Amino acid sequence: MQLGDSVLAAIRLEDGRRTKAKLQSVSVTGGLLRLAESLAQGDFVEVAFQTQSGPVHGMAEVLSPMRSMPDGVLQPFRFVALEDDDHRRLRNSLDHVAMRSALGMRSGAFST
C-alpha cells in the first residue's frame, strides 16, 4: 500500500542507536522506508509506526537500498517478527485503506 511522505517511522538499530524515517509503502510482509542515510543490508532493526488501529512495532531485516535521492535513500525491509496484536493492527489498517480506496475516499488509517 503506497502511503506517500506522511507516515513517520521510528527505527532502532542493532547497536541501540535510533533514527527516523518516512514509511513510503507497507504491507503485511514489509515496506519501503525513506531514510536520510542507507542502512546496511542484512541488518536487523526495530520498526515502529502509528496506525488508526494503534501502534505497530516489529522486527525487520533491512534489504538492499533501491534508489538514492538528493534528500536520502529509499530502502526496503521485510518483517521477520510481528506480535499477533501488531499484525492485527497492521492488517486492519491495510484493509481500511483498501476499502476506502475502492470507494474513492481518502483514508487516515496511517498517522503522521
PDB file of N, CA and C in Angstrom:
ATOM      1  N   MET A   1       0.846  -1.158   0.000  1.00  0.00           N
ATOM      2  CA  MET A   1       0.000   0.000   0.000  1.00  0.00           C
ATOM      3  C   MET A   1       0.900   1.231   0.000  1.00  0.00           C
ATOM      4  N   GLN A   2       0.770   2.082  -1.002  1.00  0.00           N
ATOM      5  CA  GLN A   2       1.533   3.320  -1.088  1.00  0.00           C
ATOM      6  C   GLN A   2       0.996   4.320  -0.063  1.00  0.00           C
ATOM      7  N   LEU A   3       1.907   4.987   0.648  1.00  0.00           N
ATOM      8  CA  LEU A   3       1.493   5.913   1.699  1.00  0.00           C
ATOM      9  C   LEU A   3       1.911   7.348   1.441  1.00  0.00           C
ATOM     10  N   GLY A   4       2.860   7.601   0.569  1.00  0.00           N
ATOM     11  CA  GLY A   4       3.354   8.960   0.374  1.00  0.00           C
ATOM     12  C   GLY A   4       4.372   9.311   1.444  1.00  0.00           C
ATOM     13  N   ASP A   5       4.475  10.582   1.762  1.00  0.00           N
ATOM     14  CA  ASP A   5       5.502  11.060   2.697  1.00  0.00           C
ATOM     15  C   ASP A   5       4.986  11.330   4.099  1.00  0.00           C
ATOM     16  N   SER A   6       3.784  10.951   4.409  1.00  0.00           N
ATOM     17  CA  SER A   6       3.180  11.453   5.635  1.00  0.00           C
ATOM     18  C   SER A   6       3.354  10.577   6.869  1.00  0.00           C
ATOM     19  N   VAL A   7       3.790   9.338   6.727  1.00  0.00           N
ATOM     20  CA  VAL A   7       3.841   8.433   7.873  1.00  0.00           C
ATOM     21  C   VAL A   7       5.270   8.330   8.403  1.00  0.00           C
ATOM     22  N   LEU A   8       5.458   8.786   9.631  1.00  0.00           N
ATOM     23  CA  LEU A   8       6.771   8.703  10.264  1.00  0.00           C
ATOM     24  C   LEU A   8       6.964   7.337  10.902  1.00  0.00           C
ATOM     25  N   ALA A   9       8.201   6.847  10.830  1.00  0.00           N
ATOM     26  CA  ALA A   9       8.550   5.575  11.453  1.00  0.00           C
ATOM     27  C   ALA A   9       9.784   5.782  12.321  1.00  0.00           C
ATOM     28  N   ALA A  10       9.777   5.158  13.478  1.00  0.00           N
ATOM     29  CA  ALA A  10      10.937   5.178  14.363  1.00  0.00           C
ATOM     30  C   ALA A  10      11.706   3.881  14.135  1.00  0.00           C
ATOM     31  N   ILE A  11      13.014   3.996  13.975  1.00  0.00           N
ATOM     32  CA  ILE A  11      13.866   2.845  13.697  1.00  0.00           C
ATOM     33  C   ILE A  11      14.893   2.732  14.816  1.00  0.00           C
ATOM     34  N   ARG A  12      15.030   1.535  15.379  1.00  0.00           N
ATOM     35  CA  ARG A  12      16.098   1.289  16.352  1.00  0.00           C
ATOM     36  C   ARG A  12      17.042   0.259  15.763  1.00  0.00           C
ATOM     37  N   LEU A  13      18.308   0.644  15.658  1.00  0.00           N
ATOM     38  CA  LEU A  13      19.327  -0.208  15.063  1.00  0.00           C
ATOM     39  C   LEU A  13      19.820  -1.239  16.067  1.00  0.00           C
ATOM     40  N   GLU A  14      20.555  -2.225  15.554  1.00  0.00           N
ATOM     41  CA  GLU A  14      21.063  -3.303  16.409  1.00  0.00           C
ATOM     42  C   GLU A  14      21.932  -2.792  17.549  1.00  0.00           C
ATOM     43  N   ASP A  15      22.674  -1.706  17.308  1.00  0.00           N
ATOM     44  CA  ASP A  15      23.564  -1.170  18.344  1.00  0.00           C
ATOM     45  C   ASP A  15      22.846  -0.234  19.315  1.00  0.00           C
ATOM     46  N   GLY A  16      21.520  -0.113  19.167  1.00  0.00           N
ATOM     47  CA  GLY A  16      20.736   0.714  20.073  1.00  0.00           C
ATOM     48  C   GLY A  16      20.492   2.131  19.585  1.00  0.00           C
ATOM     49  N   ARG A  17      21.245   2.562  18.565  1.00  0.00           N
ATOM     50  CA  ARG A  17      21.012   3.905  18.024  1.00  0.00           C
ATOM     51  C   ARG A  17      19.621   3.977  17.418  1.00  0.00           C
ATOM     52  N   ARG A  18      19.096   5.189  17.379  1.00  0.00           N
ATOM     53  CA  ARG A  18      17.758   5.410  16.819  1.00  0.00           C
ATOM     54  C   ARG A  18      17.851   6.390  15.660  1.00  0.00           C
ATOM     55  N   THR A  19      16.940   6.212  14.726  1.00  0.00           N
ATOM     56  CA  THR A  19      16.818   7.143  13.612  1.00  0.00           C
ATOM     57  C   THR A  19      15.354   7.218  13.214  1.00  0.00           C
ATOM     58  N   LYS A  20      15.036   8.204  12.410  1.00  0.00           N
ATOM     59  CA  LYS A  20      13.661   8.360  11.930  1.00  0.00           C
ATOM     60  C   LYS A  20      13.638   8.130  10.434  1.00  0.00           C
ATOM     61  N   ALA A  21      12.485   7.730   9.952  1.00  0.00           N
ATOM     62  CA  ALA A  21      12.294   7.506   8.523  1.00  0.00           C
ATOM     63  C   ALA A  21      10.860   7.861   8.176  1.00  0.00           C
ATOM     64  N   LYS A  22      10.592   7.937   6.889  1.00  0.00           N
ATOM     65  CA  LYS A  22       9.221   8.080   6.415  1.00  0.00           C
ATOM     66  C   LYS A  22       8.842   6.771   5.747  1.00  0.00           C
ATOM     67  N   LEU A  23       7.707   6.251   6.126  1.00  0.00           N
ATOM     68  CA  LEU A  23       7.209   4.999   5.576  1.00  0.00           C
ATOM     69  C   LEU A  23       6.511   5.304   4.254  1.00  0.00           C
ATOM     70  N   GLN A  24       7.109   4.877   3.151  1.00  0.00           N
ATOM     71  CA  GLN A  24       6.577   5.175   1.816  1.00  0.00           C
ATOM     72  C   GLN A  24       5.500   4.185   1.392  1.00  0.00           C
ATOM     73  N   SER A  25       5.711   2.916   1.753  1.00  0.00           N
ATOM     74  CA  SER A  25       4.717   1.883   1.462  1.00  0.00           C
ATOM     75  C   SER A  25       4.855   0.798   2.516  1.00  0.00           C
ATOM     76  N   VAL A  26       3.774   0.035   2.691  1.00  0.00           N
ATOM     77  CA  VAL A  26       3.793  -1.020   3.695  1.00  0.00           C
ATOM     78  C   VAL A  26       2.817  -2.111   3.292  1.00  0.00           C
ATOM     79  N   SER A  27       3.152  -3.329   3.682  1.00  0.00           N
ATOM     80  CA  SER A  27       2.269  -4.483   3.512  1.00  0.00           C
ATOM     81  C   SER A  27       2.437  -5.345   4.756  1.00  0.00           C
ATOM     82  N   VAL A  28       1.754  -6.462   4.815  1.00  0.00           N
ATOM     83  CA  VAL A  28       1.902  -7.334   5.982  1.00  0.00           C
ATOM     84  C   VAL A  28       3.259  -8.029   5.993  1.00  0.00           C
ATOM     85  N   THR A  29       4.001  -7.990   4.886  1.00  0.00           N
ATOM     86  CA  THR A  29       5.302  -8.652   4.830  1.00  0.00           C
ATOM     87  C   THR A  29       6.483  -7.699   4.939  1.00  0.00           C
ATOM     88  N   GLY A  30       6.257  -6.386   4.784  1.00  0.00           N
ATOM     89  CA  GLY A  30       7.363  -5.443   4.848  1.00  0.00           C
ATOM     90  C   GLY A  30       6.970  -4.091   4.317  1.00  0.00           C
ATOM     91  N   GLY A  31       7.983  -3.328   3.906  1.00  0.00           N
ATOM     92  CA  GLY A  31       7.679  -1.997   3.417  1.00  0.00           C
ATOM     93  C   GLY A  31       8.886  -1.315   2.819  1.00  0.00           C
ATOM     94  N   LEU A  32       8.727  -0.019   2.582  1.00  0.00           N
ATOM     95  CA  LEU A  32       9.768   0.804   1.982  1.00  0.00           C
ATOM     96  C   LEU A  32       9.918   2.069   2.818  1.00  0.00           C
ATOM     97  N   LEU A  33      11.156   2.329   3.243  1.00  0.00           N
ATOM     98  CA  LEU A  33      11.464   3.489   4.072  1.00  0.00           C
ATOM     99  C   LEU A  33      12.226   4.531   3.275  1.00  0.00           C
ATOM    100  N   ARG A  34      11.978   5.797   3.583  1.00  0.00           N
ATOM    101  CA  ARG A  34      12.805   6.893   3.076  1.00  0.00           C
ATOM    102  C   ARG A  34      13.654   7.343   4.256  1.00  0.00           C
ATOM    103  N   LEU A  35      14.971   7.142   4.137  1.00  0.00           N
ATOM    104  CA  LEU A  35      15.923   7.426   5.203  1.00  0.00           C
ATOM    105  C   LEU A  35      16.903   8.508   4.773  1.00  0.00           C
ATOM    106  N   ALA A  36      17.463   9.224   5.739  1.00  0.00           N
ATOM    107  CA  ALA A  36      18.493  10.221   5.444  1.00  0.00           C
ATOM    108  C   ALA A  36      19.759   9.532   4.936  1.00  0.00           C
ATOM    109  N   GLU A  37      20.096   8.380   5.526  1.00  0.00           N
ATOM    110  CA  GLU A  37      21.274   7.596   5.127  1.00  0.00           C
ATOM    111  C   GLU A  37      20.883   6.135   5.067  1.00  0.00           C
ATOM    112  N   SER A  38      21.496   5.402   4.144  1.00  0.00           N
ATOM    113  CA  SER A  38      21.146   3.989   3.999  1.00  0.00           C
ATOM    114  C   SER A  38      21.630   3.186   5.203  1.00  0.00           C
ATOM    115  N   LEU A  39      20.937   2.107   5.452  1.00  0.00           N
ATOM    116  CA  LEU A  39      21.318   1.151   6.483  1.00  0.00           C
ATOM    117  C   LEU A  39      22.021  -0.017   5.802  1.00  0.00           C
ATOM    118  N   ALA A  40      22.762  -0.796   6.562  1.00  0.00           N
ATOM    119  CA  ALA A  40      23.485  -1.928   5.991  1.00  0.00           C
ATOM    120  C   ALA A  40      22.519  -3.059   5.653  1.00  0.00           C
ATOM    121  N   GLN A  41      22.631  -3.550   4.428  1.00  0.00           N
ATOM    122  CA  GLN A  41      21.804  -4.675   4.007  1.00  0.00           C
ATOM    123  C   GLN A  41      22.043  -5.849   4.950  1.00  0.00           C
ATOM    124  N   GLY A  42      20.963  -6.495   5.376  1.00  0.00           N
ATOM    125  CA  GLY A  42      21.064  -7.637   6.272  1.00  0.00           C
ATOM    126  C   GLY A  42      20.962  -7.288   7.743  1.00  0.00           C
ATOM    127  N   ASP A  43      21.058  -5.997   8.074  1.00  0.00           N
ATOM    128  CA  ASP A  43      20.899  -5.587   9.473  1.00  0.00           C
ATOM    129  C   ASP A  43      19.474  -5.871   9.939  1.00  0.00           C
ATOM    130  N   PHE A  44      19.339  -6.143  11.216  1.00  0.00           N
ATOM    131  CA  PHE A  44      18.024  -6.310  11.822  1.00  0.00           C
ATOM    132  C   PHE A  44      17.732  -5.063  12.647  1.00  0.00           C
ATOM    133  N   VAL A  45      16.542  -4.519  12.466  1.00  0.00           N
ATOM    134  CA  VAL A  45      16.140  -3.286  13.138  1.00  0.00           C
ATOM    135  C   VAL A  45      14.746  -3.461  13.720  1.00  0.00           C
ATOM    136  N   GLU A  46      14.410  -2.583  14.650  1.00  0.00           N
ATOM    137  CA  GLU A  46      13.035  -2.490  15.128  1.00  0.00           C
ATOM    138  C   GLU A  46      12.384  -1.328  14.391  1.00  0.00           C
ATOM    139  N   VAL A  47      11.187  -1.560  13.876  1.00  0.00           N
ATOM    140  CA  VAL A  47      10.430  -0.545  13.145  1.00  0.00           C
ATOM    141  C   VAL A  47       9.133  -0.302  13.900  1.00  0.00           C
ATOM    142  N   ALA A  48       8.802   0.965  14.136  1.00  0.00           N
ATOM    143  CA  ALA A  48       7.552   1.304  14.823  1.00  0.00           C
ATOM    144  C   ALA A  48       6.893   2.477  14.113  1.00  0.00           C
ATOM    145  N   PHE A  49       5.577   2.381  13.929  1.00  0.00           N
ATOM    146  CA  PHE A  49       4.810   3.469  13.325  1.00  0.00           C
ATOM    147  C   PHE A  49       3.387   3.396  13.836  1.00  0.00           C
ATOM    148  N   GLN A  50       2.684   4.492  13.668  1.00  0.00           N
ATOM    149  CA  GLN A  50       1.329   4.622  14.194  1.00  0.00           C
ATOM    150  C   GLN A  50       0.306   4.395  13.088  1.00  0.00           C
ATOM    151  N   THR A  51      -0.749   3.653  13.405  1.00  0.00           N
ATOM    152  CA  THR A  51      -1.884   3.489  12.502  1.00  0.00           C
ATOM    153  C   THR A  51      -3.147   3.906  13.249  1.00  0.00           C
ATOM    154  N   GLN A  52      -4.237   4.017  12.521  1.00  0.00           N
ATOM    155  CA  GLN A  52      -5.513   4.354  13.145  1.00  0.00           C
ATOM    156  C   GLN A  52      -5.926   3.269  14.145  1.00  0.00           C
ATOM    157  N   SER A  53      -5.497   2.042  13.893  1.00  0.00           N
ATOM    158  CA  SER A  53      -5.821   0.922  14.780  1.00  0.00           C
ATOM    159  C   SER A  53      -4.895   0.842  15.982  1.00  0.00           C
ATOM    160  N   GLY A  54      -3.857   1.681  16.008  1.00  0.00           N
ATOM    161  CA  GLY A  54      -2.899   1.673  17.103  1.00  0.00           C
ATOM    162  C   GLY A  54      -1.481   1.501  16.586  1.00  0.00           C
ATOM    163  N   PRO A  55      -0.511   1.488  17.492  1.00  0.00           N
ATOM    164  CA  PRO A  55       0.882   1.381  17.075  1.00  0.00           C
ATOM    165  C   PRO A  55       1.209  -0.010  16.535  1.00  0.00           C
ATOM    166  N   VAL A  56       2.116  -0.032  15.566  1.00  0.00           N
ATOM    167  CA  VAL A  56       2.647  -1.286  15.028  1.00  0.00           C
ATOM    168  C   VAL A  56       4.142  -1.272  15.295  1.00  0.00           C
ATOM    169  N   HIS A  57       4.630  -2.348  15.890  1.00  0.00           N
ATOM    170  CA  HIS A  57       6.032  -2.461  16.261  1.00  0.00           C
ATOM    171  C   HIS A  57       6.499  -3.851  15.869  1.00  0.00           C
ATOM    172  N   GLY A  58       7.584  -3.931  15.095  1.00  0.00           N
ATOM    173  CA  GLY A  58       8.069  -5.240  14.683  1.00  0.00           C
ATOM    174  C   GLY A  58       9.558  -5.246  14.413  1.00  0.00           C
ATOM    175  N   MET A  59      10.104  -6.444  14.306  1.00  0.00           N
ATOM    176  CA  MET A  59      11.495  -6.637  13.916  1.00  0.00           C
ATOM    177  C   MET A  59      11.525  -6.806  12.404  1.00  0.00           C
ATOM    178  N   ALA A  60      12.556  -6.226  11.787  1.00  0.00           N
ATOM    179  CA  ALA A  60      12.644  -6.282  10.330  1.00  0.00           C
ATOM    180  C   ALA A  60      14.088  -6.479   9.891  1.00  0.00           C
ATOM    181  N   GLU A  61      14.235  -7.091   8.729  1.00  0.00           N
ATOM    182  CA  GLU A  61      15.537  -7.213   8.084  1.00  0.00           C
ATOM    183  C   GLU A  61      15.621  -6.140   7.008  1.00  0.00           C
ATOM    184  N   VAL A  62      16.722  -5.401   7.008  1.00  0.00           N
ATOM    185  CA  VAL A  62      16.945  -4.353   6.021  1.00  0.00           C
ATOM    186  C   VAL A  62      17.430  -5.000   4.725  1.00  0.00           C
ATOM    187  N   LEU A  63      16.813  -4.614   3.616  1.00  0.00           N
ATOM    188  CA  LEU A  63      17.191  -5.127   2.306  1.00  0.00           C
ATOM    189  C   LEU A  63      18.043  -4.093   1.568  1.00  0.00           C
ATOM    190  N   SER A  64      18.516  -4.433   0.392  1.00  0.00           N
ATOM    191  CA  SER A  64      19.398  -3.562  -0.384  1.00  0.00           C
ATOM    192  C   SER A  64      18.699  -2.254  -0.766  1.00  0.00           C
ATOM    193  N   PRO A  65      19.387  -1.100  -0.602  1.00  0.00           N
ATOM    194  CA  PRO A  65      18.779   0.175  -0.980  1.00  0.00           C
ATOM    195  C   PRO A  65      18.339   0.158  -2.445  1.00  0.00           C
ATOM    196  N   MET A  66      17.201   0.790  -2.714  1.00  0.00           N
ATOM    197  CA  MET A  66      16.670   0.808  -4.072  1.00  0.00           C
ATOM    198  C   MET A  66      17.176   1.991  -4.876  1.00  0.00           C
ATOM    199  N   ARG A  67      17.166   3.168  -4.259  1.00  0.00           N
ATOM    200  CA  ARG A  67      17.473   4.366  -5.027  1.00  0.00           C
ATOM    201  C   ARG A  67      17.947   5.468  -4.095  1.00  0.00           C
ATOM    202  N   SER A  68      19.020   6.135  -4.508  1.00  0.00           N
ATOM    203  CA  SER A  68      19.479   7.319  -3.781  1.00  0.00           C
ATOM    204  C   SER A  68      18.740   8.529  -4.316  1.00  0.00           C
ATOM    205  N   MET A  69      18.471   9.454  -3.416  1.00  0.00           N
ATOM    206  CA  MET A  69      17.769  10.677  -3.774  1.00  0.00           C
ATOM    207  C   MET A  69      18.527  11.838  -3.146  1.00  0.00           C
ATOM    208  N   PRO A  70      18.289  13.066  -3.594  1.00  0.00           N
ATOM    209  CA  PRO A  70      19.012  14.207  -3.019  1.00  0.00           C
ATOM    210  C   PRO A  70      18.840  14.327  -1.501  1.00  0.00           C
ATOM    211  N   ASP A  71      17.677  13.945  -0.993  1.00  0.00           N
ATOM    212  CA  ASP A  71      17.422  14.092   0.446  1.00  0.00           C
ATOM    213  C   ASP A  71      17.441  12.764   1.192  1.00  0.00           C
ATOM    214  N   GLY A  72      18.020  11.734   0.598  1.00  0.00           N
ATOM    215  CA  GLY A  72      18.095  10.457   1.297  1.00  0.00           C
ATOM    216  C   GLY A  72      18.083   9.271   0.360  1.00  0.00           C
ATOM    217  N   VAL A  73      17.584   8.162   0.881  1.00  0.00           N
ATOM    218  CA  VAL A  73      17.592   6.907   0.137  1.00  0.00           C
ATOM    219  C   VAL A  73      16.300   6.148   0.414  1.00  0.00           C
ATOM    220  N   LEU A  74      15.833   5.422  -0.584  1.00  0.00           N
ATOM    221  CA  LEU A  74      14.692   4.524  -0.398  1.00  0.00           C
ATOM    222  C   LEU A  74      15.239   3.136  -0.128  1.00  0.00           C
ATOM    223  N   GLN A  75      14.808   2.541   0.976  1.00  0.00           N
ATOM    224  CA  GLN A  75      15.338   1.242   1.358  1.00  0.00           C
ATOM    225  C   GLN A  75      14.215   0.331   1.842  1.00  0.00           C
ATOM    226  N   PRO A  76      14.096  -0.847   1.214  1.00  0.00           N
ATOM    227  CA  PRO A  76      13.047  -1.785   1.619  1.00  0.00           C
ATOM    228  C   PRO A  76      13.440  -2.579   2.864  1.00  0.00           C
ATOM    229  N   PHE A  77      12.429  -3.130   3.515  1.00  0.00           N
ATOM    230  CA  PHE A  77      12.636  -4.023   4.652  1.00  0.00           C
ATOM    231  C   PHE A  77      11.573  -5.108   4.606  1.00  0.00           C
ATOM    232  N   ARG A  78      11.878  -6.206   5.280  1.00  0.00           N
ATOM    233  CA  ARG A  78      10.862  -7.251   5.425  1.00  0.00           C
ATOM    234  C   ARG A  78      10.710  -7.566   6.902  1.00  0.00           C
ATOM    235  N   PHE A  79       9.462  -7.706   7.319  1.00  0.00           N
ATOM    236  CA  PHE A  79       9.206  -8.068   8.706  1.00  0.00           C
ATOM    237  C   PHE A  79       9.687  -9.494   8.945  1.00  0.00           C
ATOM    238  N   VAL A  80      10.393  -9.691  10.050  1.00  0.00           N
ATOM    239  CA  VAL A  80      10.798 -11.036  10.449  1.00  0.00           C
ATOM    240  C   VAL A  80      10.083 -11.456  11.724  1.00  0.00           C
ATOM    241  N   ALA A  81       9.505 -10.502  12.437  1.00  0.00           N
ATOM    242  CA  ALA A  81       8.738 -10.819  13.645  1.00  0.00           C
ATOM    243  C   ALA A  81       7.746  -9.702  13.932  1.00  0.00           C
ATOM    244  N   LEU A  82       6.482 -10.092  14.035  1.00  0.00           N
ATOM    245  CA  LEU A  82       5.402  -9.185  14.427  1.00  0.00           C
ATOM    246  C   LEU A  82       4.550  -9.925  15.447  1.00  0.00           C
ATOM    247  N   GLU A  83       4.315  -9.308  16.586  1.00  0.00           N
ATOM    248  CA  GLU A  83       3.402  -9.907  17.560  1.00  0.00           C
ATOM    249  C   GLU A  83       2.006  -9.984  16.947  1.00  0.00           C
ATOM    250  N   ASP A  84       1.185 -10.873  17.456  1.00  0.00           N
ATOM    251  CA  ASP A  84      -0.166 -11.046  16.919  1.00  0.00           C
ATOM    252  C   ASP A  84      -0.960  -9.741  16.920  1.00  0.00           C
ATOM    253  N   ASP A  85      -0.882  -8.975  18.010  1.00  0.00           N
ATOM    254  CA  ASP A  85      -1.631  -7.716  18.088  1.00  0.00           C
ATOM    255  C   ASP A  85      -1.135  -6.699  17.063  1.00  0.00           C
ATOM    256  N   ASP A  86       0.195  -6.636  16.861  1.00  0.00           N
ATOM    257  CA  ASP A  86       0.747  -5.720  15.863  1.00  0.00           C
ATOM    258  C   ASP A  86       0.310  -6.134  14.461  1.00  0.00           C
ATOM    259  N   HIS A  87       0.341  -7.430  14.190  1.00  0.00           N
ATOM    260  CA  HIS A  87      -0.093  -7.938  12.887  1.00  0.00           C
ATOM    261  C   HIS A  87      -1.565  -7.603  12.651  1.00  0.00           C
ATOM    262  N   ARG A  88      -2.382  -7.769  13.674  1.00  0.00           N
ATOM    263  CA  ARG A  88      -3.813  -7.469  13.557  1.00  0.00           C
ATOM    264  C   ARG A  88      -4.038  -5.985  13.277  1.00  0.00           C
ATOM    265  N   ARG A  89      -3.328  -5.109  14.006  1.00  0.00           N
ATOM    266  CA  ARG A  89      -3.480  -3.665  13.781  1.00  0.00           C
ATOM    267  C   ARG A  89      -3.038  -3.278  12.367  1.00  0.00           C
ATOM    268  N   LEU A  90      -1.935  -3.861  11.900  1.00  0.00           N
ATOM    269  CA  LEU A  90      -1.463  -3.572  10.550  1.00  0.00           C
ATOM    270  C   LEU A  90      -2.464  -4.063   9.514  1.00  0.00           C
ATOM    271  N   ARG A  91      -2.932  -5.284   9.670  1.00  0.00           N
ATOM    272  CA  ARG A  91      -3.906  -5.864   8.732  1.00  0.00           C
ATOM    273  C   ARG A  91      -5.190  -5.023   8.707  1.00  0.00           C
ATOM    274  N   ASN A  92      -5.684  -4.635   9.885  1.00  0.00           N
ATOM    275  CA  ASN A  92      -6.898  -3.809   9.954  1.00  0.00           C
ATOM    276  C   ASN A  92      -6.711  -2.478   9.236  1.00  0.00           C
ATOM    277  N   SER A  93      -5.560  -1.849   9.426  1.00  0.00           N
ATOM    278  CA  SER A  93      -5.293  -0.567   8.781  1.00  0.00           C
ATOM    279  C   SER A  93      -5.185  -0.718   7.269  1.00  0.00           C
ATOM    280  N   LEU A  94      -4.511  -1.765   6.813  1.00  0.00           N
ATOM    281  CA  LEU A  94      -4.401  -2.006   5.374  1.00  0.00           C
ATOM    282  C   LEU A  94      -5.769  -2.293   4.765  1.00  0.00           C
ATOM    283  N   ASP A  95      -6.579  -3.080   5.461  1.00  0.00           N
ATOM    284  CA  ASP A  95      -7.935  -3.366   4.977  1.00  0.00           C
ATOM    285  C   ASP A  95      -8.764  -2.086   4.892  1.00  0.00           C
ATOM    286  N   HIS A  96      -8.610  -1.211   5.895  1.00  0.00           N
ATOM    287  CA  HIS A  96      -9.346   0.056   5.920  1.00  0.00           C
ATOM    288  C   HIS A  96      -8.960   0.925   4.719  1.00  0.00           C
ATOM    289  N   VAL A  97      -7.655   1.030   4.454  1.00  0.00           N
ATOM    290  CA  VAL A  97      -7.176   1.831   3.327  1.00  0.00           C
ATOM    291  C   VAL A  97      -7.689   1.251   2.015  1.00  0.00           C
ATOM    292  N   ALA A  98      -7.619  -0.070   1.862  1.00  0.00           N
ATOM    293  CA  ALA A  98      -8.077  -0.712   0.625  1.00  0.00           C
ATOM    294  C   ALA A  98      -9.571  -0.491   0.414  1.00  0.00           C
ATOM    295  N   MET A  99     -10.350  -0.607   1.477  1.00  0.00           N
ATOM    296  CA  MET A  99     -11.794  -0.423   1.363  1.00  0.00           C
ATOM    297  C   MET A  99     -12.123   1.021   0.963  1.00  0.00           C
ATOM    298  N   ARG A 100     -11.491   1.980   1.618  1.00  0.00           N
ATOM    299  CA  ARG A 100     -11.766   3.388   1.305  1.00  0.00           C
ATOM    300  C   ARG A 100     -11.276   3.735  -0.092  1.00  0.00           C
ATOM    301  N   SER A 101     -10.171   3.141  -0.498  1.00  0.00           N
ATOM    302  CA  SER A 101      -9.657   3.379  -1.845  1.00  0.00           C
ATOM    303  C   SER A 101     -10.633   2.853  -2.890  1.00  0.00           C
ATOM    304  N   ALA A 102     -11.196   1.684  -2.636  1.00  0.00           N
ATOM    305  CA  ALA A 102     -12.174   1.100  -3.558  1.00  0.00           C
ATOM    306  C   ALA A 102     -13.417   1.980  -3.666  1.00  0.00           C
ATOM    307  N   LEU A 103     -13.718   2.700  -2.598  1.00  0.00           N
ATOM    308  CA  LEU A 103     -14.874   3.594  -2.597  1.00  0.00           C
ATOM    309  C   LEU A 103     -14.518   4.999  -3.088  1.00  0.00           C
ATOM    310  N   GLY A 104     -13.244   5.203  -3.435  1.00  0.00           N
ATOM    311  CA  GLY A 104     -12.812   6.511  -3.920  1.00  0.00           C
ATOM    312  C   GLY A 104     -12.673   7.546  -2.833  1.00  0.00           C
ATOM    313  N   MET A 105     -12.434   7.089  -1.602  1.00  0.00           N
ATOM    314  CA  MET A 105     -12.321   8.006  -0.470  1.00  0.00           C
ATOM    315  C   MET A 105     -10.889   8.002   0.051  1.00  0.00           C
ATOM    316  N   ARG A 106     -10.488   9.120   0.611  1.00  0.00           N
ATOM    317  CA  ARG A 106      -9.169   9.211   1.216  1.00  0.00           C
ATOM    318  C   ARG A 106      -9.208   8.595   2.612  1.00  0.00           C
ATOM    319  N   SER A 107      -8.136   7.898   2.983  1.00  0.00           N
ATOM    320  CA  SER A 107      -8.095   7.232   4.282  1.00  0.00           C
ATOM    321  C   SER A 107      -7.094   7.892   5.216  1.00  0.00           C
ATOM    322  N   GLY A 108      -7.409   7.872   6.493  1.00  0.00           N
ATOM    323  CA  GLY A 108      -6.485   8.327   7.516  1.00  0.00           C
ATOM    324  C   GLY A 108      -6.053   7.167   8.391  1.00  0.00           C
ATOM    325  N   ALA A 109      -5.938   5.968   7.814  1.00  0.00           N
ATOM    326  CA  ALA A 109      -5.624   4.779   8.602  1.00  0.00           C
ATOM    327  C   ALA A 109      -4.215   4.812   9.163  1.00  0.00           C
ATOM    328  N   PHE A 110      -3.310   5.540   8.497  1.00  0.00           N
ATOM    329  CA  PHE A 110      -1.948   5.656   8.981  1.00  0.00           C
ATOM    330  C   PHE A 110      -1.739   7.083   9.429  1.00  0.00           C
ATOM    331  N   SER A 111      -1.115   7.249  10.582  1.00  0.00           N
ATOM    332  CA  SER A 111      -0.976   8.568  11.196  1.00  0.00           C
ATOM    333  C   SER A 111       0.388   9.152  10.920  1.00  0.00           C
ATOM    334  N   THR A 112       0.443  10.470  10.960  1.00  0.00           N
ATOM    335  CA  THR A 112       1.713  11.164  10.766  1.00  0.00           C
ATOM    336  C   THR A 112       2.434  11.324  12.069  1.00  0.00           C
TER     337      THR A 112
END
